Amino acid sequence: MDKWNVGILIFDGVEILDFAGPFEVFSRTRLEPGAASRRSEESAPFRVFTVAKSLAPISTTGGLTVTPHYGFADAPRVDLLVVPGGAGTRPLLNDPETLDWIRRTASGTRRVASVCTGSLLLAKAGLLTGRRATTHWNALDLLATLDVGTVERDHRVVDDEIITSAGVASGIDMAFYVVERLHGAEVADATAHYIEYRRTAAPRLKT
């Protein structure tokens, strides 16, 4: 099986559901149906891990403490990079180390995705130049001031080679969008059924 490494960036002030929602979806996805398959990694198409600047614990929005799996220096190859949002993205817009890591990591991935204001970091890193993208409703105007093609204000998930999603819970929809694109609707729907998430026909834009 061609198992993808899903690397999820975390940082102080990251929104919990921005990274935990996609983590849950990707880590619970199985190519074999049924609950029993979730107890084994045998048919898991993704290996999911978190990455931060260092292995030091980070403090999320709301004060949850999370210990990253890897730091920038020792992270394994990333096939799907997920950049979440949260209040902590604002100082990172002027943090060369994080922006350089995003840029460098993205250059070697198969896909890049963001949740919420994670798209601000992608734009600041120069990855959304000429592309359509979205973000949390409260940051749409800010995204428009950065290096981005078109800001989409009415879509939860926008796929213009790089996948961006709207705020917080929309990261779950983004993750299911990726699962469906890679492994089909049946696998995505079975995973949603397992975690008891009701998928809707939320608007998606693929360009």
C-alpha atoms as a PDB file:
ATOM      1  CA  MET A   1       0.000   0.000   0.000  1.00  0.00           C
ATOM      2  CA  ASP A   2       1.192   3.494  -0.855  1.00  0.00           C
ATOM      3  CA  LYS A   3       0.738   4.979   2.601  1.00  0.00           C
ATOM      4  CA  TRP A   4       0.881   8.778   2.795  1.00  0.00           C
ATOM      5  CA  ASN A   5       2.621  10.637   5.603  1.00  0.00           C
ATOM      6  CA  VAL A   6       0.285  13.388   6.823  1.00  0.00           C
ATOM      7  CA  GLY A   7       2.250  16.060   8.673  1.00  0.00           C
ATOM      8  CA  ILE A   8       0.143  18.546  10.639  1.00  0.00           C
ATOM      9  CA  LEU A   9       1.869  21.739  11.763  1.00  0.00           C
ATOM     10  CA  ILE A  10       1.120  22.840  15.323  1.00  0.00           C
ATOM     11  CA  PHE A  11       2.244  25.946  17.201  1.00  0.00           C
ATOM     12  CA  ASP A  12       1.386  28.027  20.249  1.00  0.00           C
ATOM     13  CA  GLY A  13      -2.103  29.410  19.793  1.00  0.00           C
ATOM     14  CA  VAL A  14      -3.207  26.797  17.256  1.00  0.00           C
ATOM     15  CA  GLU A  15      -6.968  26.198  17.191  1.00  0.00           C
ATOM     16  CA  ILE A  16      -7.648  22.740  18.647  1.00  0.00           C
ATOM     17  CA  LEU A  17     -10.236  21.539  16.154  1.00  0.00           C
ATOM     18  CA  ASP A  18      -8.205  22.905  13.240  1.00  0.00           C
ATOM     19  CA  PHE A  19      -5.610  20.187  13.746  1.00  0.00           C
ATOM     20  CA  ALA A  20      -7.528  17.618  15.808  1.00  0.00           C
ATOM     21  CA  GLY A  21     -10.400  17.370  13.308  1.00  0.00           C
ATOM     22  CA  PRO A  22      -8.226  16.437  10.313  1.00  0.00           C
ATOM     23  CA  PHE A  23      -6.066  14.264  12.594  1.00  0.00           C
ATOM     24  CA  GLU A  24      -9.148  12.263  13.582  1.00  0.00           C
ATOM     25  CA  VAL A  25     -10.358  11.844  10.013  1.00  0.00           C
ATOM     26  CA  PHE A  26      -7.025  10.817   8.518  1.00  0.00           C
ATOM     27  CA  SER A  27      -6.023   8.578  11.428  1.00  0.00           C
ATOM     28  CA  ARG A  28      -9.374   6.741  11.425  1.00  0.00           C
ATOM     29  CA  THR A  29      -9.550   6.220   7.645  1.00  0.00           C
ATOM     30  CA  ARG A  30      -9.345   2.584   6.569  1.00  0.00           C
ATOM     31  CA  LEU A  31      -9.615   1.031   3.139  1.00  0.00           C
ATOM     32  CA  GLU A  32     -11.409  -1.955   4.663  1.00  0.00           C
ATOM     33  CA  PRO A  33     -14.963  -1.272   5.907  1.00  0.00           C
ATOM     34  CA  GLY A  34     -16.285  -1.903   9.386  1.00  0.00           C
ATOM     35  CA  ALA A  35     -15.342  -1.012  12.941  1.00  0.00           C
ATOM     36  CA  ALA A  36     -12.917  -3.909  13.360  1.00  0.00           C
ATOM     37  CA  SER A  37     -10.578  -2.505  10.708  1.00  0.00           C
ATOM     38  CA  ARG A  38     -10.062   0.636  12.827  1.00  0.00           C
ATOM     39  CA  ARG A  39      -8.317  -1.438  15.499  1.00  0.00           C
ATOM     40  CA  SER A  40      -5.455  -2.228  13.143  1.00  0.00           C
ATOM     41  CA  GLU A  41      -3.151  -0.153  10.957  1.00  0.00           C
ATOM     42  CA  GLU A  42      -3.194  -2.804   8.225  1.00  0.00           C
ATOM     43  CA  SER A  43      -5.559  -0.975   5.858  1.00  0.00           C
ATOM     44  CA  ALA A  44      -4.763   2.564   7.031  1.00  0.00           C
ATOM     45  CA  PRO A  45      -3.740   4.671   4.014  1.00  0.00           C
ATOM     46  CA  PHE A  46      -2.330   7.488   6.153  1.00  0.00           C
ATOM     47  CA  ARG A  47       0.322   7.821   8.825  1.00  0.00           C
ATOM     48  CA  VAL A  48      -0.534  10.996  10.744  1.00  0.00           C
ATOM     49  CA  PHE A  49       1.772  13.041  12.957  1.00  0.00           C
ATOM     50  CA  THR A  50       2.224  16.557  14.301  1.00  0.00           C
ATOM     51  CA  VAL A  51       5.233  18.792  13.683  1.00  0.00           C
ATOM     52  CA  ALA A  52       6.319  21.924  15.554  1.00  0.00           C
ATOM     53  CA  LYS A  53       9.480  24.007  15.752  1.00  0.00           C
ATOM     54  CA  SER A  54      10.771  21.756  18.504  1.00  0.00           C
ATOM     55  CA  LEU A  55       9.599  18.925  20.725  1.00  0.00           C
ATOM     56  CA  ALA A  56       8.677  21.396  23.468  1.00  0.00           C
ATOM     57  CA  PRO A  57       4.981  21.253  24.455  1.00  0.00           C
ATOM     58  CA  ILE A  58       2.784  23.812  22.742  1.00  0.00           C
ATOM     59  CA  SER A  59      -0.249  25.552  24.211  1.00  0.00           C
ATOM     60  CA  THR A  60      -3.345  25.593  22.007  1.00  0.00           C
ATOM     61  CA  THR A  61      -6.244  28.007  21.958  1.00  0.00           C
ATOM     62  CA  GLY A  62      -8.065  27.282  25.208  1.00  0.00           C
ATOM     63  CA  GLY A  63      -4.877  26.248  26.996  1.00  0.00           C
ATOM     64  CA  LEU A  64      -4.605  22.564  26.070  1.00  0.00           C
ATOM     65  CA  THR A  65      -0.988  21.393  26.190  1.00  0.00           C
ATOM     66  CA  VAL A  66       0.131  19.186  23.301  1.00  0.00           C
ATOM     67  CA  THR A  67       3.503  17.527  22.751  1.00  0.00           C
ATOM     68  CA  PRO A  68       4.486  17.368  19.055  1.00  0.00           C
ATOM     69  CA  HIS A  69       5.567  14.092  17.503  1.00  0.00           C
ATOM     70  CA  TYR A  70       8.454  15.806  15.674  1.00  0.00           C
ATOM     71  CA  GLY A  71      10.330  19.070  15.459  1.00  0.00           C
ATOM     72  CA  PHE A  72      11.298  20.822  12.236  1.00  0.00           C
ATOM     73  CA  ALA A  73      14.770  19.293  12.413  1.00  0.00           C
ATOM     74  CA  ASP A  74      13.731  15.634  12.630  1.00  0.00           C
ATOM     75  CA  ALA A  75      10.359  15.422  10.873  1.00  0.00           C
ATOM     76  CA  PRO A  76      10.052  12.602   8.338  1.00  0.00           C
ATOM     77  CA  ARG A  77       9.007  13.071   4.720  1.00  0.00           C
ATOM     78  CA  VAL A  78       5.583  14.716   4.414  1.00  0.00           C
ATOM     79  CA  ASP A  79       3.238  13.697   1.585  1.00  0.00           C
ATOM     80  CA  LEU A  80       0.287  15.797   2.740  1.00  0.00           C
ATOM     81  CA  LEU A  81       1.063  18.962   4.667  1.00  0.00           C
ATOM     82  CA  VAL A  82      -1.797  20.372   6.750  1.00  0.00           C
ATOM     83  CA  VAL A  83      -1.414  23.913   8.080  1.00  0.00           C
ATOM     84  CA  PRO A  84      -4.085  24.780  10.672  1.00  0.00           C
ATOM     85  CA  GLY A  85      -5.033  28.198  11.963  1.00  0.00           C
ATOM     86  CA  GLY A  86      -5.788  29.971  15.190  1.00  0.00           C
ATOM     87  CA  ALA A  87      -4.661  33.172  16.886  1.00  0.00           C
ATOM     88  CA  GLY A  88      -1.105  31.837  16.802  1.00  0.00           C
ATOM     89  CA  THR A  89      -0.867  32.326  13.051  1.00  0.00           C
ATOM     90  CA  ARG A  90      -0.550  36.099  13.391  1.00  0.00           C
ATOM     91  CA  PRO A  91       2.952  36.194  14.930  1.00  0.00           C
ATOM     92  CA  LEU A  92       4.029  33.420  12.549  1.00  0.00           C
ATOM     93  CA  LEU A  93       3.316  35.686   9.586  1.00  0.00           C
ATOM     94  CA  ASN A  94       6.598  37.364  10.510  1.00  0.00           C
ATOM     95  CA  ASP A  95       8.493  34.238  11.550  1.00  0.00           C
ATOM     96  CA  PRO A  96      11.031  33.303   8.844  1.00  0.00           C
ATOM     97  CA  GLU A  97      11.812  29.918  10.416  1.00  0.00           C
ATOM     98  CA  THR A  98       8.226  28.703  10.228  1.00  0.00           C
ATOM     99  CA  LEU A  99       7.573  30.207   6.798  1.00  0.00           C
ATOM    100  CA  ASP A 100      10.778  28.674   5.436  1.00  0.00           C
ATOM    101  CA  TRP A 101       9.818  25.267   6.856  1.00  0.00           C
ATOM    102  CA  ILE A 102       6.362  25.472   5.266  1.00  0.00           C
ATOM    103  CA  ARG A 103       7.848  26.524   1.936  1.00  0.00           C
ATOM    104  CA  ARG A 104      10.563  23.873   2.000  1.00  0.00           C
ATOM    105  CA  THR A 105       8.253  21.091   3.144  1.00  0.00           C
ATOM    106  CA  ALA A 106       5.554  22.008   0.627  1.00  0.00           C
ATOM    107  CA  SER A 107       8.048  21.713  -2.216  1.00  0.00           C
ATOM    108  CA  GLY A 108       8.423  17.990  -1.512  1.00  0.00           C
ATOM    109  CA  THR A 109       4.802  17.052  -0.813  1.00  0.00           C
ATOM    110  CA  ARG A 110       2.114  15.527  -2.971  1.00  0.00           C
ATOM    111  CA  ARG A 111      -0.557  17.871  -1.612  1.00  0.00           C
ATOM    112  CA  VAL A 112      -0.788  20.894   0.681  1.00  0.00           C
ATOM    113  CA  ALA A 113      -3.899  21.877   2.635  1.00  0.00           C
ATOM    114  CA  SER A 114      -4.870  24.477   5.201  1.00  0.00           C
ATOM    115  CA  VAL A 115      -7.603  24.989   7.740  1.00  0.00           C
ATOM    116  CA  CYS A 116      -8.913  28.366   8.837  1.00  0.00           C
ATOM    117  CA  THR A 117      -6.178  31.032   9.032  1.00  0.00           C
ATOM    118  CA  GLY A 118      -3.532  28.500   8.102  1.00  0.00           C
ATOM    119  CA  SER A 119      -4.085  29.859   4.593  1.00  0.00           C
ATOM    120  CA  LEU A 120      -2.575  33.147   5.757  1.00  0.00           C
ATOM    121  CA  LEU A 121       0.688  31.312   6.378  1.00  0.00           C
ATOM    122  CA  LEU A 122       0.503  29.613   2.989  1.00  0.00           C
ATOM    123  CA  ALA A 123      -0.059  32.982   1.336  1.00  0.00           C
ATOM    124  CA  LYS A 124       2.784  34.601   3.279  1.00  0.00           C
ATOM    125  CA  ALA A 125       5.049  31.725   2.222  1.00  0.00           C
ATOM    126  CA  GLY A 126       4.195  32.459  -1.408  1.00  0.00           C
ATOM    127  CA  LEU A 127       2.240  29.266  -2.022  1.00  0.00           C
ATOM    128  CA  LEU A 128      -1.086  30.868  -2.974  1.00  0.00           C
ATOM    129  CA  THR A 129       0.191  33.226  -5.670  1.00  0.00           C
ATOM    130  CA  GLY A 130      -2.405  33.299  -8.448  1.00  0.00           C
ATOM    131  CA  ARG A 131      -4.549  30.668  -6.706  1.00  0.00           C
ATOM    132  CA  ARG A 132      -8.080  30.713  -5.357  1.00  0.00           C
ATOM    133  CA  ALA A 133      -8.255  30.255  -1.607  1.00  0.00           C
ATOM    134  CA  THR A 134     -10.406  30.735   1.460  1.00  0.00           C
ATOM    135  CA  THR A 135     -10.030  31.114   5.218  1.00  0.00           C
ATOM    136  CA  HIS A 136     -12.049  31.835   8.367  1.00  0.00           C
ATOM    137  CA  TRP A 137     -14.781  34.387   7.676  1.00  0.00           C
ATOM    138  CA  ASN A 138     -13.151  36.862  10.041  1.00  0.00           C
ATOM    139  CA  ALA A 139      -9.855  36.756   8.128  1.00  0.00           C
ATOM    140  CA  LEU A 140     -11.098  36.927   4.536  1.00  0.00           C
ATOM    141  CA  ASP A 141     -10.191  40.600   4.191  1.00  0.00           C
ATOM    142  CA  LEU A 142      -6.755  39.983   5.679  1.00  0.00           C
ATOM    143  CA  LEU A 143      -6.153  37.111   3.258  1.00  0.00           C
ATOM    144  CA  ALA A 144      -7.022  39.464   0.399  1.00  0.00           C
ATOM    145  CA  THR A 145      -4.116  41.753   1.403  1.00  0.00           C
ATOM    146  CA  LEU A 146      -1.607  38.913   1.058  1.00  0.00           C
ATOM    147  CA  ASP A 147      -0.129  37.198  -1.988  1.00  0.00           C
ATOM    148  CA  VAL A 148      -3.198  35.309  -3.190  1.00  0.00           C
ATOM    149  CA  GLY A 149      -5.070  35.130  -6.486  1.00  0.00           C
ATOM    150  CA  THR A 150      -8.781  35.196  -5.618  1.00  0.00           C
ATOM    151  CA  VAL A 151     -10.356  35.026  -2.150  1.00  0.00           C
ATOM    152  CA  GLU A 152     -13.389  32.728  -2.224  1.00  0.00           C
ATOM    153  CA  ARG A 153     -15.901  33.890   0.389  1.00  0.00           C
ATOM    154  CA  ASP A 154     -18.710  31.369  -0.083  1.00  0.00           C
ATOM    155  CA  HIS A 155     -17.012  27.961  -0.098  1.00  0.00           C
ATOM    156  CA  ARG A 156     -15.966  25.737   2.795  1.00  0.00           C
ATOM    157  CA  VAL A 157     -13.334  23.903   0.750  1.00  0.00           C
ATOM    158  CA  VAL A 158     -11.433  25.344  -2.209  1.00  0.00           C
ATOM    159  CA  ASP A 159      -9.124  23.182  -4.300  1.00  0.00           C
ATOM    160  CA  ASP A 160      -6.827  25.063  -6.636  1.00  0.00           C
ATOM    161  CA  GLU A 161      -3.957  22.561  -6.542  1.00  0.00           C
ATOM    162  CA  ILE A 162      -3.461  23.705  -2.948  1.00  0.00           C
ATOM    163  CA  ILE A 163      -6.523  22.973  -0.793  1.00  0.00           C
ATOM    164  CA  THR A 164      -7.761  25.624   1.608  1.00  0.00           C
ATOM    165  CA  SER A 165     -10.765  25.459   3.901  1.00  0.00           C
ATOM    166  CA  ALA A 166     -12.806  27.926   5.911  1.00  0.00           C
ATOM    167  CA  GLY A 167     -12.867  28.187   9.682  1.00  0.00           C
ATOM    168  CA  VAL A 168     -12.319  25.569  12.376  1.00  0.00           C
ATOM    169  CA  ALA A 169     -14.847  22.741  11.797  1.00  0.00           C
ATOM    170  CA  SER A 170     -14.496  23.063   8.027  1.00  0.00           C
ATOM    171  CA  GLY A 171     -11.136  21.329   8.403  1.00  0.00           C
ATOM    172  CA  ILE A 172     -13.089  18.101   8.923  1.00  0.00           C
ATOM    173  CA  ASP A 173     -14.836  18.666   5.585  1.00  0.00           C
ATOM    174  CA  MET A 174     -11.453  19.356   3.995  1.00  0.00           C
ATOM    175  CA  ALA A 175     -10.058  16.104   5.337  1.00  0.00           C
ATOM    176  CA  PHE A 176     -13.016  14.113   4.022  1.00  0.00           C
ATOM    177  CA  TYR A 177     -12.631  15.882   0.683  1.00  0.00           C
ATOM    178  CA  VAL A 178      -9.035  14.637   0.517  1.00  0.00           C
ATOM    179  CA  VAL A 179     -10.019  11.110   1.556  1.00  0.00           C
ATOM    180  CA  GLU A 180     -12.719  11.018  -1.115  1.00  0.00           C
ATOM    181  CA  ARG A 181     -10.392  12.373  -3.816  1.00  0.00           C
ATOM    182  CA  LEU A 182      -7.735   9.778  -3.001  1.00  0.00           C
ATOM    183  CA  HIS A 183      -9.804   6.741  -2.044  1.00  0.00           C
ATOM    184  CA  GLY A 184     -13.371   7.343  -3.179  1.00  0.00           C
ATOM    185  CA  ALA A 185     -16.689   8.268  -1.629  1.00  0.00           C
ATOM    186  CA  GLU A 186     -17.272   4.815  -0.152  1.00  0.00           C
ATOM    187  CA  VAL A 187     -14.143   4.985   2.012  1.00  0.00           C
ATOM    188  CA  ALA A 188     -14.883   8.591   3.016  1.00  0.00           C
ATOM    189  CA  ASP A 189     -18.480   7.777   3.903  1.00  0.00           C
ATOM    190  CA  ALA A 190     -17.480   4.686   5.902  1.00  0.00           C
ATOM    191  CA  THR A 191     -14.987   6.746   7.877  1.00  0.00           C
ATOM    192  CA  ALA A 192     -17.585   9.436   8.536  1.00  0.00           C
ATOM    193  CA  HIS A 193     -20.007   6.749   9.693  1.00  0.00           C
ATOM    194  CA  TYR A 194     -17.400   5.327  12.070  1.00  0.00           C
ATOM    195  CA  ILE A 195     -16.718   8.659  13.761  1.00  0.00           C
ATOM    196  CA  GLU A 196     -20.432   9.539  13.545  1.00  0.00           C
ATOM    197  CA  TYR A 197     -19.870  12.670  11.512  1.00  0.00           C
ATOM    198  CA  ARG A 198     -22.734  13.729   9.275  1.00  0.00           C
ATOM    199  CA  ARG A 199     -21.291  14.809   5.963  1.00  0.00           C
ATOM    200  CA  THR A 200     -23.271  17.448   4.087  1.00  0.00           C
ATOM    201  CA  ALA A 201     -23.269  18.730   0.546  1.00  0.00           C
ATOM    202  CA  ALA A 202     -21.222  21.743   1.617  1.00  0.00           C
ATOM    203  CA  PRO A 203     -20.097  23.815  -1.391  1.00  0.00           C
ATOM    204  CA  ARG A 204     -16.654  22.907  -2.719  1.00  0.00           C
ATOM    205  CA  LEU A 205     -14.767  24.620  -5.469  1.00  0.00           C
ATOM    206  CA  LYS A 206     -12.275  22.731  -7.589  1.00  0.00           C
ATOM    207  CA  THR A 207     -10.571  24.799 -10.248  1.00  0.00           C
END
